Amino acid sequence: MEKVVTNRNLSILLLAIAILFPLFTDNQYVLHIFSLTFIWTIAVHGLNLIGGFTGQLSLAHAGFFGIGAYSVGLLTVKMGLNFWLALVLGLIITTAIGFVIGLVALRTKEHFFAIYTLCVGYIIYLLLYKWEELTEGVRGLIGIPVPAPIGPITFDTPRNQYYLLLFFLVLVIFLMHRIMNSIIGRTYIAIRNSEELAETIGIATMKQKMVSFVLSTFFAGLSGGLYAAFVRFIGPDISYISVTFDMLMYLIVGGMGTLSGPLIGTLLIVWLSQYLQFLQNYRMLIFGPLLTLLIIFYPRGIAGGYQMWRAKRLIKKSQQLM
């Protein structure tokens, strides 16, 4: 009980800091980077759901991110729809495509699933790159409008955009918390630990993996749609395979299969990348060894390593009391 209260108080404190932070700074660059971090964290939560909790590593995540972004971009720029309507339709399009792809992809297992989704992600990138009549190809989409006002609230300033993206991030974290602390979440973990054992105890593994996969594409599409309205220019590179590996790096550093891992890893790597911009293409000379050391000494990432340390500490205390 003490652990739950502590975690709850820490979450409330971090949320209060995030809400109050823009009131004490006029630095638009800092707000911009934090806003981007919120967007990527939403996407990484989707990758964590299918990869970290369900044990099915999808390497097409950037592709679904691109579908969400281009859906919103095309619906607003070429069809003139309201952003909120375009976002809803973009989510429907992304999850529908994710469902169709999942019907085939989830018939494969382990590394075959990863290879198949890698190919799917690359095909999505090629479609966005080559289908110039629809996507404008390498030129990309320019002039994507900011989210339409909600009553008196507008989203044309960095501060208001920050709060909008923070709202969506908190909503996604809340949904992830509810999912993973429910029977459905425990089902995903059972599939990750042993799919054969899960089947023997009556779990419809194919159905549950499909739900997890579609939910992960939903989060990817949501983050992509928000990215399009925030940056207001998108090109096919946002769906390239390297973007998926960036997300995977955020997740590995933060901790796969943990609720706080996506936020920790994304915040740390995004801000570290900003401080190392002067190295340009040589940044991986630093990230590579650091990531290798992290995987060796903390295979469950920062959040997972902390959980293991805390568990060992509690076991040691209980042994001392005995």
Protein backbone atom coordinates (compact mmCIF):
# COMPACT_ATOMS: atom_id res chain seq x y z
CA MET A 1 0.00 0.00 0.00
CA GLU A 2 2.85 2.35 0.82
CA LYS A 3 4.38 1.72 -2.62
CA VAL A 4 1.11 2.60 -4.40
CA VAL A 5 0.73 5.82 -2.43
CA THR A 6 4.34 6.77 -3.12
CA ASN A 7 3.98 6.17 -6.84
CA ARG A 8 0.74 8.11 -6.91
CA ASN A 9 2.26 11.05 -5.08
CA LEU A 10 5.27 11.03 -7.41
CA SER A 11 2.99 10.99 -10.45
CA ILE A 12 0.98 13.92 -9.09
CA LEU A 13 4.17 15.85 -8.38
CA LEU A 14 5.56 15.28 -11.89
CA LEU A 15 2.23 16.27 -13.45
CA ALA A 16 2.12 19.46 -11.36
CA ILE A 17 5.67 20.34 -12.45
CA ALA A 18 4.75 19.72 -16.11
CA ILE A 19 1.66 21.94 -15.80
CA LEU A 20 3.45 24.78 -14.04
CA PHE A 21 6.66 24.67 -16.09
CA PRO A 22 5.48 26.86 -19.04
CA LEU A 23 4.38 29.55 -16.59
CA PHE A 24 7.99 30.12 -15.52
CA THR A 25 9.70 30.22 -18.92
CA ASP A 26 9.34 32.16 -22.16
CA ASN A 27 11.86 29.99 -23.98
CA GLN A 28 9.90 28.76 -26.99
CA TYR A 29 12.67 26.38 -28.03
CA VAL A 30 12.45 24.50 -24.72
CA LEU A 31 8.66 24.27 -25.02
CA HIS A 32 9.07 23.02 -28.60
CA ILE A 33 11.44 20.22 -27.56
CA PHE A 34 9.19 19.19 -24.67
CA SER A 35 6.21 19.12 -27.03
CA LEU A 36 8.09 16.88 -29.46
CA THR A 37 9.06 14.65 -26.53
CA PHE A 38 5.38 14.25 -25.59
CA ILE A 39 4.52 13.24 -29.17
CA TRP A 40 7.30 10.64 -29.38
CA THR A 41 6.41 9.28 -25.94
CA ILE A 42 2.85 8.57 -27.12
CA ALA A 43 4.27 6.62 -30.08
CA VAL A 44 6.71 4.71 -27.86
CA HIS A 45 3.85 3.73 -25.54
CA GLY A 46 2.23 2.02 -28.52
CA LEU A 47 5.47 0.19 -29.32
CA ASN A 48 5.75 -0.79 -25.66
CA LEU A 49 2.24 -2.23 -25.65
CA ILE A 50 2.86 -4.67 -28.51
CA GLY A 51 6.58 -5.23 -27.96
CA GLY A 52 7.21 -4.76 -24.23
CA PHE A 53 4.01 -6.20 -22.75
CA THR A 54 2.74 -8.61 -25.43
CA GLY A 55 6.16 -9.74 -26.64
CA GLN A 56 5.55 -9.13 -30.36
CA LEU A 57 8.22 -6.75 -31.64
CA SER A 58 6.68 -4.66 -34.44
CA LEU A 59 9.17 -2.87 -36.67
CA ALA A 60 6.45 -1.16 -38.74
CA HIS A 61 5.66 1.37 -36.02
CA ALA A 62 7.12 4.36 -37.89
CA GLY A 63 5.01 3.35 -40.88
CA PHE A 64 1.80 3.64 -38.86
CA PHE A 65 3.11 6.90 -37.41
CA GLY A 66 3.50 8.13 -41.00
CA ILE A 67 0.01 6.92 -41.97
CA GLY A 68 -1.49 8.89 -39.09
CA ALA A 69 0.50 12.00 -39.98
CA TYR A 70 -0.27 11.85 -43.70
CA SER A 71 -3.95 11.08 -43.07
CA VAL A 72 -4.32 14.26 -41.03
CA GLY A 73 -2.16 16.24 -43.46
CA LEU A 74 -4.05 15.16 -46.58
CA LEU A 75 -7.49 15.55 -45.03
CA THR A 76 -6.75 19.08 -43.80
CA VAL A 77 -4.60 20.41 -46.67
CA LYS A 78 -6.22 18.79 -49.71
CA MET A 79 -9.77 18.29 -48.48
CA GLY A 80 -10.00 21.26 -46.12
CA LEU A 81 -11.42 19.31 -43.18
CA ASN A 82 -11.36 20.50 -39.60
CA PHE A 83 -8.31 19.19 -37.71
CA TRP A 84 -10.33 17.34 -35.08
CA LEU A 85 -12.44 15.56 -37.68
CA ALA A 86 -9.29 14.79 -39.67
CA LEU A 87 -7.64 13.37 -36.54
CA VAL A 88 -10.58 11.05 -35.85
CA LEU A 89 -10.66 9.89 -39.48
CA GLY A 90 -6.87 9.49 -39.43
CA LEU A 91 -7.13 7.22 -36.39
CA ILE A 92 -9.80 5.15 -38.11
CA ILE A 93 -7.66 4.83 -41.24
CA THR A 94 -4.54 3.90 -39.27
CA THR A 95 -6.24 1.28 -37.10
CA ALA A 96 -8.10 -0.19 -40.10
CA ILE A 97 -4.82 -0.63 -42.00
CA GLY A 98 -3.24 -1.98 -38.82
CA PHE A 99 -6.04 -4.55 -38.48
CA VAL A 100 -5.59 -5.77 -42.05
CA ILE A 101 -1.82 -6.02 -41.68
CA GLY A 102 -2.19 -7.70 -38.30
CA LEU A 103 -4.34 -10.47 -39.79
CA VAL A 104 -1.31 -11.63 -41.75
CA ALA A 105 1.56 -10.49 -39.53
CA LEU A 106 0.31 -12.18 -36.36
CA ARG A 107 0.24 -15.57 -38.06
CA THR A 108 4.02 -15.41 -37.84
CA LYS A 109 5.97 -15.60 -34.59
CA GLU A 110 9.11 -14.23 -32.94
CA HIS A 111 11.78 -13.05 -35.41
CA PHE A 112 9.55 -13.88 -38.41
CA PHE A 113 7.01 -11.37 -37.08
CA ALA A 114 9.74 -8.74 -36.68
CA ILE A 115 11.04 -9.36 -40.22
CA TYR A 116 7.55 -9.24 -41.72
CA THR A 117 6.65 -5.96 -39.99
CA LEU A 118 10.04 -4.52 -41.01
CA CYS A 119 9.13 -5.21 -44.64
CA VAL A 120 5.67 -3.72 -44.13
CA GLY A 121 7.17 -0.58 -42.63
CA TYR A 122 9.49 -0.18 -45.60
CA ILE A 123 6.61 -0.68 -48.06
CA ILE A 124 4.64 2.08 -46.29
CA TYR A 125 7.66 4.36 -46.59
CA LEU A 126 7.97 3.60 -50.32
CA LEU A 127 4.28 4.35 -50.88
CA LEU A 128 4.57 7.70 -49.14
CA TYR A 129 7.75 8.46 -51.07
CA LYS A 130 6.72 7.30 -54.55
CA TRP A 131 2.98 8.12 -54.67
CA GLU A 132 3.58 11.75 -55.62
CA GLU A 133 0.04 12.36 -56.93
CA LEU A 134 -1.31 11.80 -53.43
CA THR A 135 1.50 12.50 -50.97
CA GLU A 136 3.59 15.00 -52.97
CA GLY A 137 6.50 12.58 -52.66
CA VAL A 138 9.80 13.98 -51.47
CA ARG A 139 8.36 17.52 -51.48
CA GLY A 140 6.09 16.58 -48.61
CA LEU A 141 2.99 18.34 -47.36
CA ILE A 142 3.31 22.00 -46.40
CA GLY A 143 0.90 24.27 -44.57
CA ILE A 144 -0.86 21.76 -42.33
CA PRO A 145 -3.11 23.86 -40.06
CA VAL A 146 -2.78 23.95 -36.30
CA PRO A 147 -5.59 22.32 -34.32
CA ALA A 148 -8.85 24.26 -34.57
CA PRO A 149 -9.88 26.25 -31.47
CA ILE A 150 -12.08 24.61 -28.85
CA GLY A 151 -14.35 27.40 -27.70
CA PRO A 152 -12.14 30.26 -26.51
CA ILE A 153 -9.05 28.03 -26.36
CA THR A 154 -6.69 28.37 -29.32
CA PHE A 155 -3.61 26.32 -30.16
CA ASP A 156 -1.55 28.75 -32.21
CA THR A 157 1.06 29.47 -29.54
CA PRO A 158 3.88 27.17 -28.30
CA ARG A 159 2.50 27.27 -24.75
CA ASN A 160 -1.02 26.23 -25.74
CA GLN A 161 0.35 23.50 -28.01
CA TYR A 162 2.48 22.27 -25.12
CA TYR A 163 -0.61 21.94 -22.91
CA LEU A 164 -2.58 20.21 -25.67
CA LEU A 165 0.14 17.60 -26.22
CA LEU A 166 0.59 17.18 -22.45
CA PHE A 167 -3.14 16.46 -22.20
CA PHE A 168 -2.92 13.71 -24.83
CA LEU A 169 0.20 12.24 -23.18
CA VAL A 170 -1.47 12.10 -19.76
CA LEU A 171 -4.55 10.53 -21.38
CA VAL A 172 -2.42 7.84 -23.06
CA ILE A 173 -0.50 7.11 -19.84
CA PHE A 174 -3.82 6.82 -17.97
CA LEU A 175 -5.19 4.42 -20.60
CA MET A 176 -2.01 2.34 -20.51
CA HIS A 177 -2.17 2.19 -16.72
CA ARG A 178 -5.79 1.01 -16.80
CA ILE A 179 -5.07 -1.56 -19.50
CA MET A 180 -2.01 -3.05 -17.85
CA ASN A 181 -3.67 -3.25 -14.44
CA SER A 182 -6.68 -5.09 -15.84
CA ILE A 183 -7.33 -8.69 -16.87
CA ILE A 184 -6.47 -7.73 -20.45
CA GLY A 185 -3.05 -6.46 -19.42
CA ARG A 186 -2.31 -9.62 -17.47
CA THR A 187 -3.35 -11.59 -20.53
CA TYR A 188 -0.78 -9.72 -22.63
CA ILE A 189 1.92 -10.46 -20.09
CA ALA A 190 0.94 -14.13 -20.05
CA ILE A 191 1.30 -14.26 -23.84
CA ARG A 192 4.69 -12.56 -23.62
CA ASN A 193 5.95 -15.01 -21.01
CA SER A 194 4.73 -18.13 -22.81
CA GLU A 195 2.24 -18.14 -25.65
CA GLU A 196 1.92 -21.94 -25.53
CA LEU A 197 1.12 -21.89 -21.81
CA ALA A 198 -1.36 -19.06 -22.33
CA GLU A 199 -3.17 -21.17 -24.93
CA THR A 200 -3.36 -24.18 -22.59
CA ILE A 201 -5.13 -22.14 -19.90
CA GLY A 202 -7.76 -20.95 -22.36
CA ILE A 203 -6.49 -17.57 -23.56
CA ALA A 204 -7.42 -16.72 -27.16
CA THR A 205 -3.89 -15.64 -28.00
CA MET A 206 -4.55 -14.65 -31.62
CA LYS A 207 -7.45 -12.41 -30.62
CA GLN A 208 -5.54 -10.78 -27.78
CA LYS A 209 -2.45 -10.20 -29.93
CA MET A 210 -4.65 -8.61 -32.58
CA VAL A 211 -6.23 -6.24 -30.05
CA SER A 212 -2.79 -5.30 -28.73
CA PHE A 213 -1.44 -4.76 -32.26
CA VAL A 214 -4.38 -2.56 -33.29
CA LEU A 215 -4.11 -0.53 -30.09
CA SER A 216 -0.42 0.01 -30.77
CA THR A 217 -1.23 1.30 -34.26
CA PHE A 218 -3.88 3.56 -32.72
CA PHE A 219 -1.26 5.20 -30.49
CA ALA A 220 1.14 5.47 -33.44
CA GLY A 221 -1.57 7.11 -35.56
CA LEU A 222 -2.49 9.50 -32.75
CA SER A 223 1.10 10.62 -32.28
CA GLY A 224 1.53 10.96 -36.06
CA GLY A 225 -1.57 13.11 -36.39
CA LEU A 226 -0.47 15.37 -33.54
CA TYR A 227 3.02 15.59 -35.05
CA ALA A 228 1.60 16.74 -38.39
CA ALA A 229 -0.36 19.58 -36.79
CA PHE A 230 2.52 20.54 -34.51
CA VAL A 231 5.34 20.62 -37.09
CA ARG A 232 2.98 21.64 -39.98
CA PHE A 233 5.27 20.03 -42.56
CA ILE A 234 5.75 16.32 -43.13
CA GLY A 235 7.82 14.28 -45.54
CA PRO A 236 8.13 10.53 -46.15
CA ASP A 237 11.23 10.34 -43.93
CA ILE A 238 8.99 10.33 -40.82
CA SER A 239 8.00 6.76 -41.72
CA TYR A 240 11.50 5.50 -42.48
CA ILE A 241 12.86 2.44 -40.68
CA SER A 242 15.41 4.52 -38.76
CA VAL A 243 12.52 6.28 -36.98
CA THR A 244 11.28 2.91 -35.72
CA PHE A 245 14.74 2.11 -34.39
CA ASP A 246 14.86 5.52 -32.69
CA MET A 247 11.60 4.68 -30.92
CA LEU A 248 12.97 1.27 -30.02
CA MET A 249 16.07 2.91 -28.57
CA TYR A 250 13.90 5.21 -26.42
CA LEU A 251 12.02 2.15 -25.17
CA ILE A 252 15.10 0.01 -24.46
CA VAL A 253 16.78 2.83 -22.53
CA GLY A 254 13.66 3.62 -20.53
CA GLY A 255 12.63 0.02 -19.96
CA MET A 256 10.54 -2.36 -22.08
CA GLY A 257 7.49 -3.71 -20.33
CA THR A 258 7.28 -0.84 -17.84
CA LEU A 259 4.75 1.98 -17.71
CA SER A 260 7.30 4.70 -17.00
CA GLY A 261 9.97 3.44 -19.42
CA PRO A 262 8.68 5.22 -22.56
CA LEU A 263 8.64 8.61 -20.84
CA ILE A 264 12.02 8.18 -19.15
CA GLY A 265 13.79 6.91 -22.26
CA THR A 266 12.28 9.48 -24.62
CA LEU A 267 12.99 12.42 -22.33
CA LEU A 268 16.56 11.31 -21.73
CA ILE A 269 17.52 10.53 -25.35
CA VAL A 270 15.71 13.49 -26.96
CA TRP A 271 17.33 15.99 -24.61
CA LEU A 272 20.71 14.30 -24.83
CA SER A 273 20.42 14.49 -28.63
CA GLN A 274 19.80 18.23 -28.39
CA TYR A 275 22.94 18.74 -26.33
CA LEU A 276 24.97 16.64 -28.77
CA GLN A 277 23.73 18.35 -31.94
CA PHE A 278 27.18 19.77 -32.61
CA LEU A 279 28.37 16.20 -33.26
CA GLN A 280 25.76 15.75 -36.02
CA ASN A 281 26.29 12.33 -37.63
CA TYR A 282 28.81 11.26 -34.98
CA ARG A 283 26.29 11.19 -32.15
CA MET A 284 25.90 7.42 -32.46
CA LEU A 285 29.57 7.09 -31.48
CA ILE A 286 28.36 8.10 -28.03
CA PHE A 287 24.90 6.52 -28.09
CA GLY A 288 26.21 3.17 -29.35
CA PRO A 289 28.59 2.36 -26.47
CA LEU A 290 26.19 3.80 -23.89
CA LEU A 291 23.33 1.68 -25.22
CA THR A 292 25.55 -1.41 -25.25
CA LEU A 293 26.58 -0.86 -21.63
CA LEU A 294 22.96 -0.27 -20.63
CA ILE A 295 21.83 -3.52 -22.26
CA ILE A 296 24.66 -5.44 -20.54
CA PHE A 297 24.17 -4.07 -17.01
CA TYR A 298 20.50 -3.01 -17.15
CA PRO A 299 18.78 -5.26 -19.73
CA ARG A 300 15.36 -4.05 -18.54
CA GLY A 301 16.28 -0.39 -18.96
CA ILE A 302 16.36 2.36 -16.36
CA ALA A 303 12.81 1.82 -15.05
CA GLY A 304 13.16 -1.96 -15.09
CA GLY A 305 16.54 -1.78 -13.35
CA TYR A 306 15.04 0.40 -10.62
CA GLN A 307 12.16 -2.05 -10.15
CA MET A 308 14.60 -4.97 -9.80
CA TRP A 309 16.73 -3.02 -7.30
CA ARG A 310 13.64 -2.12 -5.27
CA ALA A 311 12.39 -5.72 -5.30
CA LYS A 312 15.77 -7.04 -4.07
CA ARG A 313 15.79 -4.39 -1.35
CA LEU A 314 12.31 -5.43 -0.14
CA ILE A 315 13.33 -9.11 -0.14
CA LYS A 316 16.42 -8.32 1.88
CA LYS A 317 14.36 -6.32 4.40
CA SER A 318 11.83 -9.14 4.76
CA GLN A 319 14.66 -11.64 5.34
CA GLN A 320 16.14 -9.43 8.03
CA LEU A 321 12.78 -9.19 9.78
CA MET A 322 12.47 -12.98 9.76
